[in-house]
N, C-alpha and C. Protein backbone atom coordinates (compact mmCIF):
# COMPACT_ATOMS: atom_id res chain seq x y z
N MET A 1 0.81 -1.19 0.00
CA MET A 1 0.00 0.00 0.00
C MET A 1 0.87 1.26 0.00
N GLN A 2 1.93 1.20 0.82
CA GLN A 2 2.82 2.35 0.92
C GLN A 2 3.51 2.62 -0.41
N SER A 3 3.93 1.59 -1.12
CA SER A 3 4.60 1.78 -2.41
C SER A 3 3.63 2.33 -3.44
N GLN A 4 2.36 1.92 -3.36
CA GLN A 4 1.36 2.42 -4.30
C GLN A 4 1.14 3.93 -4.07
N ILE A 5 1.04 4.34 -2.83
CA ILE A 5 0.87 5.75 -2.49
C ILE A 5 2.09 6.54 -2.94
N SER A 6 3.27 5.98 -2.70
CA SER A 6 4.51 6.64 -3.09
C SER A 6 4.58 6.78 -4.61
N ARG A 7 4.18 5.73 -5.35
CA ARG A 7 4.21 5.75 -6.81
C ARG A 7 3.24 6.81 -7.34
N ARG A 8 2.03 6.87 -6.76
CA ARG A 8 1.04 7.87 -7.19
C ARG A 8 1.56 9.28 -6.91
N GLY A 9 2.23 9.45 -5.79
CA GLY A 9 2.81 10.76 -5.46
C GLY A 9 3.86 11.15 -6.48
N ALA A 10 4.69 10.18 -6.84
CA ALA A 10 5.73 10.45 -7.84
C ALA A 10 5.11 10.77 -9.20
N GLN A 11 4.04 10.05 -9.56
CA GLN A 11 3.35 10.33 -10.83
C GLN A 11 2.76 11.73 -10.84
N ARG A 12 2.15 12.11 -9.74
CA ARG A 12 1.56 13.46 -9.65
C ARG A 12 2.65 14.53 -9.71
N HIS A 13 3.76 14.27 -9.05
CA HIS A 13 4.87 15.21 -9.08
C HIS A 13 5.42 15.36 -10.50
N ALA A 14 5.55 14.23 -11.20
CA ALA A 14 6.03 14.26 -12.59
C ALA A 14 5.04 14.99 -13.49
N ALA A 15 3.75 14.74 -13.26
CA ALA A 15 2.72 15.42 -14.06
C ALA A 15 2.76 16.92 -13.81
N ALA A 16 2.94 17.30 -12.56
CA ALA A 16 3.01 18.73 -12.23
C ALA A 16 4.23 19.36 -12.89
N GLY A 17 5.35 18.63 -12.91
CA GLY A 17 6.55 19.14 -13.59
C GLY A 17 6.32 19.31 -15.08
N GLY A 18 5.58 18.38 -15.67
CA GLY A 18 5.25 18.49 -17.10
C GLY A 18 4.38 19.70 -17.36
N LEU A 19 3.43 19.92 -16.47
CA LEU A 19 2.58 21.11 -16.61
C LEU A 19 3.40 22.38 -16.50
N GLU A 20 4.35 22.37 -15.59
CA GLU A 20 5.20 23.55 -15.41
C GLU A 20 6.03 23.82 -16.66
N ARG A 21 6.53 22.75 -17.29
CA ARG A 21 7.34 22.92 -18.50
C ARG A 21 6.52 23.40 -19.68
N THR A 22 5.24 23.03 -19.72
CA THR A 22 4.40 23.40 -20.86
C THR A 22 3.46 24.57 -20.52
N ARG A 23 3.80 25.30 -19.50
CA ARG A 23 2.97 26.43 -19.07
C ARG A 23 2.83 27.44 -20.23
N ALA A 24 1.63 27.89 -20.43
CA ALA A 24 1.37 28.89 -21.46
C ALA A 24 2.03 30.20 -21.06
N ALA A 25 2.54 30.90 -22.05
CA ALA A 25 3.17 32.19 -21.78
C ALA A 25 2.12 33.18 -21.28
N GLU A 26 2.56 34.07 -20.44
CA GLU A 26 1.65 35.10 -19.93
C GLU A 26 1.22 35.99 -21.09
N PRO A 27 -0.07 36.28 -21.20
CA PRO A 27 -0.52 37.10 -22.33
C PRO A 27 0.05 38.52 -22.21
N PRO A 28 0.24 39.19 -23.34
CA PRO A 28 0.76 40.55 -23.27
C PRO A 28 -0.25 41.47 -22.59
N ARG A 29 0.26 42.49 -21.95
CA ARG A 29 -0.63 43.45 -21.30
C ARG A 29 -1.49 44.13 -22.37
N PRO A 30 -2.75 44.41 -22.05
CA PRO A 30 -3.61 45.09 -23.03
C PRO A 30 -3.05 46.47 -23.35
N LEU A 31 -3.21 46.89 -24.59
CA LEU A 31 -2.76 48.20 -25.00
C LEU A 31 -3.69 49.26 -24.42
N ARG A 32 -3.13 50.37 -24.01
CA ARG A 32 -3.91 51.50 -23.50
C ARG A 32 -3.35 52.76 -24.12
N PHE A 33 -4.21 53.55 -24.74
CA PHE A 33 -3.78 54.78 -25.39
C PHE A 33 -3.37 55.81 -24.34
N ALA A 34 -2.22 56.40 -24.53
CA ALA A 34 -1.72 57.47 -23.66
C ALA A 34 -1.26 58.60 -24.56
N ALA A 35 -2.06 59.64 -24.68
CA ALA A 35 -1.78 60.72 -25.63
C ALA A 35 -0.50 61.48 -25.31
N GLY A 36 -0.12 61.54 -24.05
CA GLY A 36 1.12 62.20 -23.67
C GLY A 36 1.25 63.60 -24.23
N ASP A 37 2.38 63.88 -24.89
CA ASP A 37 2.65 65.21 -25.43
C ASP A 37 1.77 65.58 -26.61
N LEU A 38 1.04 64.63 -27.16
CA LEU A 38 0.15 64.94 -28.28
C LEU A 38 -1.16 65.56 -27.80
N ALA A 39 -1.51 65.34 -26.54
CA ALA A 39 -2.78 65.82 -26.01
C ALA A 39 -2.69 67.29 -25.64
N ALA A 40 -3.81 67.97 -25.80
CA ALA A 40 -3.90 69.35 -25.34
C ALA A 40 -3.95 69.35 -23.82
N ARG A 41 -3.51 70.39 -23.21
CA ARG A 41 -3.50 70.50 -21.76
C ARG A 41 -4.68 71.34 -21.28
N ALA A 42 -5.21 71.01 -20.12
CA ALA A 42 -6.36 71.73 -19.57
C ALA A 42 -6.06 73.22 -19.39
N GLU A 43 -4.81 73.54 -19.11
CA GLU A 43 -4.47 74.94 -18.90
C GLU A 43 -4.45 75.75 -20.20
N GLU A 44 -4.69 75.10 -21.33
CA GLU A 44 -4.71 75.80 -22.60
C GLU A 44 -6.01 76.56 -22.83
N GLY A 45 -6.90 76.57 -21.87
CA GLY A 45 -8.10 77.38 -21.97
C GLY A 45 -9.35 76.55 -22.07
N SER A 46 -10.49 77.24 -21.97
CA SER A 46 -11.77 76.55 -21.94
C SER A 46 -12.42 76.43 -23.32
N ARG A 47 -11.87 77.12 -24.32
CA ARG A 47 -12.45 77.00 -25.66
C ARG A 47 -12.36 75.56 -26.14
N PRO A 48 -13.36 75.09 -26.84
CA PRO A 48 -13.32 73.70 -27.32
C PRO A 48 -12.21 73.50 -28.36
N LEU A 49 -11.73 72.27 -28.43
CA LEU A 49 -10.74 71.92 -29.45
C LEU A 49 -11.39 71.90 -30.82
N VAL A 50 -12.61 71.37 -30.86
CA VAL A 50 -13.35 71.28 -32.12
C VAL A 50 -14.84 71.48 -31.82
N ARG A 51 -15.50 72.17 -32.75
CA ARG A 51 -16.94 72.42 -32.60
C ARG A 51 -17.59 72.24 -33.97
N LEU A 52 -18.63 71.42 -34.02
CA LEU A 52 -19.41 71.21 -35.24
C LEU A 52 -20.84 71.64 -34.98
N ARG A 53 -21.44 72.38 -35.92
CA ARG A 53 -22.83 72.80 -35.81
C ARG A 53 -23.52 72.58 -37.14
N ASP A 54 -24.67 71.91 -37.11
CA ASP A 54 -25.50 71.68 -38.30
C ASP A 54 -24.67 71.16 -39.47
N VAL A 55 -23.85 70.17 -39.21
CA VAL A 55 -22.98 69.59 -40.24
C VAL A 55 -23.74 68.54 -41.03
N ARG A 56 -23.64 68.65 -42.34
CA ARG A 56 -24.30 67.70 -43.24
C ARG A 56 -23.33 67.27 -44.35
N VAL A 57 -23.26 65.98 -44.55
CA VAL A 57 -22.59 65.39 -45.71
C VAL A 57 -23.67 64.55 -46.35
N PRO A 58 -24.25 65.04 -47.44
CA PRO A 58 -25.40 64.36 -48.03
C PRO A 58 -25.19 62.86 -48.21
N GLY A 59 -26.15 62.11 -47.67
CA GLY A 59 -26.12 60.66 -47.78
C GLY A 59 -25.17 59.96 -46.83
N ARG A 60 -24.41 60.73 -46.03
CA ARG A 60 -23.40 60.10 -45.17
C ARG A 60 -23.46 60.52 -43.71
N LEU A 61 -23.79 61.80 -43.47
CA LEU A 61 -23.71 62.28 -42.09
C LEU A 61 -24.63 63.47 -41.90
N ALA A 62 -25.34 63.47 -40.79
CA ALA A 62 -26.17 64.61 -40.37
C ALA A 62 -25.96 64.77 -38.87
N LEU A 63 -25.35 65.87 -38.48
CA LEU A 63 -24.99 66.08 -37.08
C LEU A 63 -25.38 67.50 -36.68
N ASP A 64 -26.26 67.61 -35.68
CA ASP A 64 -26.71 68.92 -35.23
C ASP A 64 -25.62 69.66 -34.46
N GLY A 65 -24.87 68.93 -33.63
CA GLY A 65 -23.82 69.58 -32.87
C GLY A 65 -22.88 68.61 -32.20
N LEU A 66 -21.64 69.03 -32.09
CA LEU A 66 -20.62 68.26 -31.38
C LEU A 66 -19.56 69.24 -30.92
N GLU A 67 -19.17 69.11 -29.67
CA GLU A 67 -18.12 69.95 -29.11
C GLU A 67 -17.22 69.07 -28.27
N VAL A 68 -15.91 69.17 -28.50
CA VAL A 68 -14.94 68.39 -27.73
C VAL A 68 -14.00 69.37 -27.05
N SER A 69 -13.98 69.32 -25.71
CA SER A 69 -13.11 70.22 -24.96
C SER A 69 -11.73 69.61 -24.80
N VAL A 70 -10.85 70.39 -24.22
CA VAL A 70 -9.46 69.97 -24.02
C VAL A 70 -9.35 68.72 -23.17
N THR A 71 -10.21 68.59 -22.19
CA THR A 71 -10.10 67.47 -21.25
C THR A 71 -10.92 66.25 -21.66
N GLU A 72 -11.64 66.32 -22.77
CA GLU A 72 -12.47 65.21 -23.20
C GLU A 72 -11.77 64.37 -24.26
N ARG A 73 -12.25 63.14 -24.40
CA ARG A 73 -11.82 62.25 -25.48
C ARG A 73 -13.08 61.83 -26.21
N LEU A 74 -12.95 61.51 -27.47
CA LEU A 74 -14.10 61.17 -28.30
C LEU A 74 -13.99 59.72 -28.74
N LEU A 75 -15.00 58.92 -28.45
CA LEU A 75 -15.08 57.54 -28.91
C LEU A 75 -16.21 57.49 -29.92
N VAL A 76 -15.90 57.07 -31.14
CA VAL A 76 -16.90 57.03 -32.21
C VAL A 76 -17.30 55.59 -32.45
N THR A 77 -18.57 55.28 -32.20
CA THR A 77 -19.09 53.93 -32.41
C THR A 77 -20.36 54.02 -33.24
N GLY A 78 -20.81 52.90 -33.74
CA GLY A 78 -22.06 52.86 -34.48
C GLY A 78 -22.06 51.73 -35.49
N ARG A 79 -23.22 51.47 -36.01
CA ARG A 79 -23.37 50.38 -36.99
C ARG A 79 -22.75 50.78 -38.32
N ASN A 80 -22.61 49.82 -39.21
CA ASN A 80 -22.11 50.10 -40.55
C ASN A 80 -23.02 51.10 -41.24
N GLY A 81 -22.42 52.08 -41.88
CA GLY A 81 -23.20 53.08 -42.60
C GLY A 81 -23.72 54.22 -41.75
N ALA A 82 -23.36 54.23 -40.45
CA ALA A 82 -23.87 55.27 -39.56
C ALA A 82 -23.15 56.60 -39.74
N GLY A 83 -21.99 56.60 -40.41
CA GLY A 83 -21.27 57.85 -40.65
C GLY A 83 -20.03 58.04 -39.79
N ARG A 84 -19.52 56.96 -39.18
CA ARG A 84 -18.32 57.07 -38.34
C ARG A 84 -17.13 57.61 -39.13
N SER A 85 -16.85 56.99 -40.27
CA SER A 85 -15.70 57.42 -41.08
C SER A 85 -15.92 58.82 -41.63
N ALA A 86 -17.15 59.14 -42.00
CA ALA A 86 -17.45 60.48 -42.50
C ALA A 86 -17.19 61.52 -41.40
N LEU A 87 -17.59 61.22 -40.17
CA LEU A 87 -17.35 62.14 -39.06
C LEU A 87 -15.86 62.36 -38.85
N LEU A 88 -15.09 61.29 -38.85
CA LEU A 88 -13.65 61.42 -38.66
C LEU A 88 -13.00 62.20 -39.80
N ALA A 89 -13.47 61.98 -41.03
CA ALA A 89 -12.95 62.72 -42.17
C ALA A 89 -13.32 64.21 -42.06
N VAL A 90 -14.51 64.51 -41.57
CA VAL A 90 -14.92 65.90 -41.36
C VAL A 90 -14.02 66.55 -40.31
N LEU A 91 -13.80 65.86 -39.19
CA LEU A 91 -12.95 66.40 -38.13
C LEU A 91 -11.53 66.67 -38.63
N ALA A 92 -11.05 65.82 -39.53
CA ALA A 92 -9.69 65.97 -40.07
C ALA A 92 -9.63 66.96 -41.22
N GLY A 93 -10.79 67.46 -41.66
CA GLY A 93 -10.80 68.42 -42.76
C GLY A 93 -10.62 67.79 -44.12
N ARG A 94 -10.89 66.52 -44.23
CA ARG A 94 -10.70 65.80 -45.50
C ARG A 94 -11.99 65.65 -46.30
N LEU A 95 -13.09 66.13 -45.77
CA LEU A 95 -14.37 65.95 -46.43
C LEU A 95 -15.13 67.27 -46.40
N PRO A 96 -15.56 67.78 -47.57
CA PRO A 96 -16.32 69.03 -47.57
C PRO A 96 -17.69 68.82 -46.95
N VAL A 97 -18.17 69.84 -46.24
CA VAL A 97 -19.44 69.73 -45.53
C VAL A 97 -20.29 70.98 -45.71
N GLU A 98 -21.56 70.80 -45.43
CA GLU A 98 -22.45 71.93 -45.22
C GLU A 98 -22.49 72.13 -43.72
N GLY A 99 -22.45 73.35 -43.25
CA GLY A 99 -22.49 73.61 -41.81
C GLY A 99 -21.19 74.20 -41.33
N GLU A 100 -21.04 74.23 -40.02
CA GLU A 100 -19.89 74.89 -39.39
C GLU A 100 -18.96 73.88 -38.72
N VAL A 101 -17.69 73.94 -39.09
CA VAL A 101 -16.66 73.12 -38.45
C VAL A 101 -15.56 74.06 -38.00
N ARG A 102 -15.32 74.11 -36.70
CA ARG A 102 -14.27 74.98 -36.16
C ARG A 102 -13.29 74.14 -35.35
N ARG A 103 -12.03 74.33 -35.67
CA ARG A 103 -10.95 73.69 -34.92
C ARG A 103 -10.14 74.79 -34.25
N ARG A 104 -9.64 74.52 -33.07
CA ARG A 104 -8.81 75.50 -32.38
C ARG A 104 -7.59 75.82 -33.25
N HIS A 105 -7.22 77.08 -33.27
CA HIS A 105 -6.08 77.54 -34.07
C HIS A 105 -4.83 76.71 -33.74
N GLY A 106 -4.17 76.24 -34.75
CA GLY A 106 -2.94 75.47 -34.58
C GLY A 106 -3.16 73.99 -34.33
N MET A 107 -4.40 73.59 -34.17
CA MET A 107 -4.68 72.18 -33.91
C MET A 107 -4.89 71.44 -35.23
N THR A 108 -4.37 70.24 -35.29
CA THR A 108 -4.62 69.40 -36.46
C THR A 108 -5.27 68.11 -35.98
N VAL A 109 -6.10 67.56 -36.83
CA VAL A 109 -6.76 66.29 -36.54
C VAL A 109 -6.27 65.30 -37.58
N GLY A 110 -5.72 64.19 -37.14
CA GLY A 110 -5.24 63.16 -38.06
C GLY A 110 -6.28 62.08 -38.23
N CYS A 111 -6.26 61.47 -39.39
CA CYS A 111 -7.21 60.41 -39.68
C CYS A 111 -6.51 59.40 -40.59
N SER A 112 -6.32 58.19 -40.10
CA SER A 112 -5.67 57.16 -40.92
C SER A 112 -6.67 56.58 -41.91
N PRO A 113 -6.20 56.26 -43.11
CA PRO A 113 -7.10 55.68 -44.10
C PRO A 113 -7.55 54.28 -43.68
N ARG A 114 -8.72 53.87 -44.16
CA ARG A 114 -9.26 52.56 -43.82
C ARG A 114 -8.63 51.46 -44.65
N THR A 115 -8.17 51.79 -45.84
CA THR A 115 -7.60 50.77 -46.72
C THR A 115 -6.11 51.01 -46.87
N PRO A 116 -5.34 49.96 -47.00
CA PRO A 116 -3.89 50.11 -47.13
C PRO A 116 -3.50 50.85 -48.40
N CYS A 117 -2.41 51.58 -48.31
CA CYS A 117 -1.84 52.26 -49.47
C CYS A 117 -0.72 51.40 -50.03
N SER A 118 -0.45 51.54 -51.29
CA SER A 118 0.62 50.73 -51.87
C SER A 118 1.95 51.47 -51.87
N SER A 119 1.93 52.80 -51.89
CA SER A 119 3.19 53.54 -51.96
C SER A 119 3.92 53.45 -50.64
N GLY A 120 5.19 53.12 -50.68
CA GLY A 120 6.00 53.07 -49.48
C GLY A 120 5.69 51.92 -48.54
N ALA A 121 5.15 50.84 -49.07
CA ALA A 121 4.74 49.72 -48.22
C ALA A 121 5.93 49.04 -47.54
N ASP A 122 7.15 49.41 -47.90
CA ASP A 122 8.32 48.80 -47.28
C ASP A 122 8.81 49.61 -46.08
N ARG A 123 8.12 50.66 -45.71
CA ARG A 123 8.52 51.48 -44.56
C ARG A 123 8.19 50.77 -43.26
N MET A 124 8.97 51.06 -42.25
CA MET A 124 8.70 50.56 -40.92
C MET A 124 7.60 51.41 -40.29
N VAL A 125 6.89 50.85 -39.32
CA VAL A 125 5.81 51.55 -38.63
C VAL A 125 6.33 52.87 -38.06
N ARG A 126 7.49 52.85 -37.44
CA ARG A 126 8.06 54.08 -36.86
C ARG A 126 8.27 55.15 -37.92
N ASP A 127 8.73 54.74 -39.10
CA ASP A 127 8.97 55.70 -40.18
C ASP A 127 7.67 56.33 -40.66
N THR A 128 6.63 55.53 -40.78
CA THR A 128 5.33 56.04 -41.21
C THR A 128 4.80 57.03 -40.17
N TYR A 129 4.95 56.71 -38.91
CA TYR A 129 4.53 57.60 -37.83
C TYR A 129 5.28 58.93 -37.92
N ARG A 130 6.58 58.85 -38.11
CA ARG A 130 7.42 60.05 -38.20
C ARG A 130 7.02 60.91 -39.40
N MET A 131 6.74 60.27 -40.53
CA MET A 131 6.32 61.01 -41.72
C MET A 131 4.95 61.67 -41.51
N SER A 132 4.07 60.99 -40.81
CA SER A 132 2.72 61.51 -40.58
C SER A 132 2.73 62.72 -39.66
N LEU A 133 3.52 62.67 -38.60
CA LEU A 133 3.54 63.71 -37.60
C LEU A 133 4.57 64.79 -37.85
N GLY A 134 5.62 64.43 -38.54
CA GLY A 134 6.77 65.32 -38.67
C GLY A 134 7.79 64.92 -37.62
N ALA A 135 9.06 65.13 -37.95
CA ALA A 135 10.14 64.66 -37.09
C ALA A 135 10.08 65.25 -35.69
N GLU A 136 9.79 66.54 -35.58
CA GLU A 136 9.81 67.21 -34.27
C GLU A 136 8.72 66.67 -33.34
N ARG A 137 7.49 66.57 -33.84
CA ARG A 137 6.40 66.05 -33.00
C ARG A 137 6.61 64.58 -32.68
N ALA A 138 7.10 63.81 -33.65
CA ALA A 138 7.33 62.38 -33.42
C ALA A 138 8.39 62.17 -32.36
N GLU A 139 9.35 63.06 -32.29
CA GLU A 139 10.40 62.96 -31.28
C GLU A 139 9.86 63.34 -29.90
N LYS A 140 8.97 64.35 -29.86
CA LYS A 140 8.37 64.77 -28.59
C LYS A 140 7.44 63.70 -28.03
N ALA A 141 6.75 62.99 -28.91
CA ALA A 141 5.81 61.95 -28.49
C ALA A 141 6.13 60.67 -29.25
N PRO A 142 7.15 59.94 -28.81
CA PRO A 142 7.54 58.71 -29.51
C PRO A 142 6.38 57.72 -29.60
N LEU A 143 6.31 57.01 -30.69
CA LEU A 143 5.24 56.05 -30.92
C LEU A 143 5.12 55.05 -29.78
N ARG A 144 6.24 54.59 -29.25
CA ARG A 144 6.20 53.60 -28.16
C ARG A 144 5.52 54.15 -26.92
N SER A 145 5.50 55.48 -26.73
CA SER A 145 4.92 56.07 -25.53
C SER A 145 3.39 56.16 -25.58
N LEU A 146 2.79 55.92 -26.75
CA LEU A 146 1.35 56.10 -26.91
C LEU A 146 0.54 54.89 -26.48
N GLY A 147 1.17 53.73 -26.36
CA GLY A 147 0.43 52.55 -25.95
C GLY A 147 -0.43 51.95 -27.04
N LEU A 148 -0.15 52.28 -28.29
CA LEU A 148 -0.96 51.78 -29.40
C LEU A 148 -0.45 50.45 -29.96
N LEU A 149 0.84 50.19 -29.82
CA LEU A 149 1.44 48.97 -30.36
C LEU A 149 2.32 48.32 -29.32
N HIS A 150 2.40 47.01 -29.37
CA HIS A 150 3.35 46.31 -28.53
C HIS A 150 4.75 46.58 -29.08
N GLU A 151 5.73 46.51 -28.22
CA GLU A 151 7.12 46.82 -28.60
C GLU A 151 7.56 46.03 -29.83
N ALA A 152 7.21 44.76 -29.90
CA ALA A 152 7.62 43.91 -31.03
C ALA A 152 7.02 44.40 -32.35
N ASP A 153 5.84 45.03 -32.30
CA ASP A 153 5.18 45.48 -33.52
C ASP A 153 5.77 46.77 -34.08
N LEU A 154 6.54 47.49 -33.29
CA LEU A 154 7.10 48.75 -33.75
C LEU A 154 8.10 48.57 -34.89
N ALA A 155 8.70 47.40 -34.97
CA ALA A 155 9.70 47.14 -36.01
C ALA A 155 9.10 46.53 -37.27
N HIS A 156 7.78 46.29 -37.28
CA HIS A 156 7.15 45.69 -38.46
C HIS A 156 7.01 46.70 -39.58
N ARG A 157 6.81 46.19 -40.75
CA ARG A 157 6.56 47.04 -41.91
C ARG A 157 5.15 47.58 -41.82
N SER A 158 4.99 48.83 -42.25
CA SER A 158 3.66 49.45 -42.24
C SER A 158 2.99 49.22 -43.57
N ASP A 159 1.76 49.71 -43.70
CA ASP A 159 1.06 49.60 -44.98
C ASP A 159 1.49 50.72 -45.92
N GLY A 160 2.36 51.62 -45.43
CA GLY A 160 2.91 52.67 -46.26
C GLY A 160 2.10 53.95 -46.29
N CYS A 161 1.00 54.02 -45.59
CA CYS A 161 0.18 55.23 -45.61
C CYS A 161 0.78 56.27 -44.69
N PRO A 162 1.08 57.45 -45.17
CA PRO A 162 1.60 58.49 -44.28
C PRO A 162 0.47 59.14 -43.52
């Protein structure tokens, strides 16, 4: 009886060692956006960063009003065809509209394309970021500091869209 108990103990110990050797790697920490130096500061005043009034893009977007202050963040959600991409294009100044769109002086709104570009597809993600922002801003707010990509992904090739 004692040898049987001892054998079972040894089997369990061996099984536990096997489990330890085949342990799944810890999953990467979830990404969290950190605007850092790219974000406006609360001390920059109470005027909104962007204000939209009675904005219309025929067949794509109808918005009575939207105001985003310095301390707010905007999350755009909705079903297909609701106008999410149109809204982002309007905010970035890439889409002509009827109505009023005001951005704070000196502020720019970036908007990445939805489909990959073919030009420059051999560029690294960091290079595309630098080209999009400009060298000075990219240096002030390095891509790795934003929490958008895991460290390993920073060295991958981008789709080439600036």
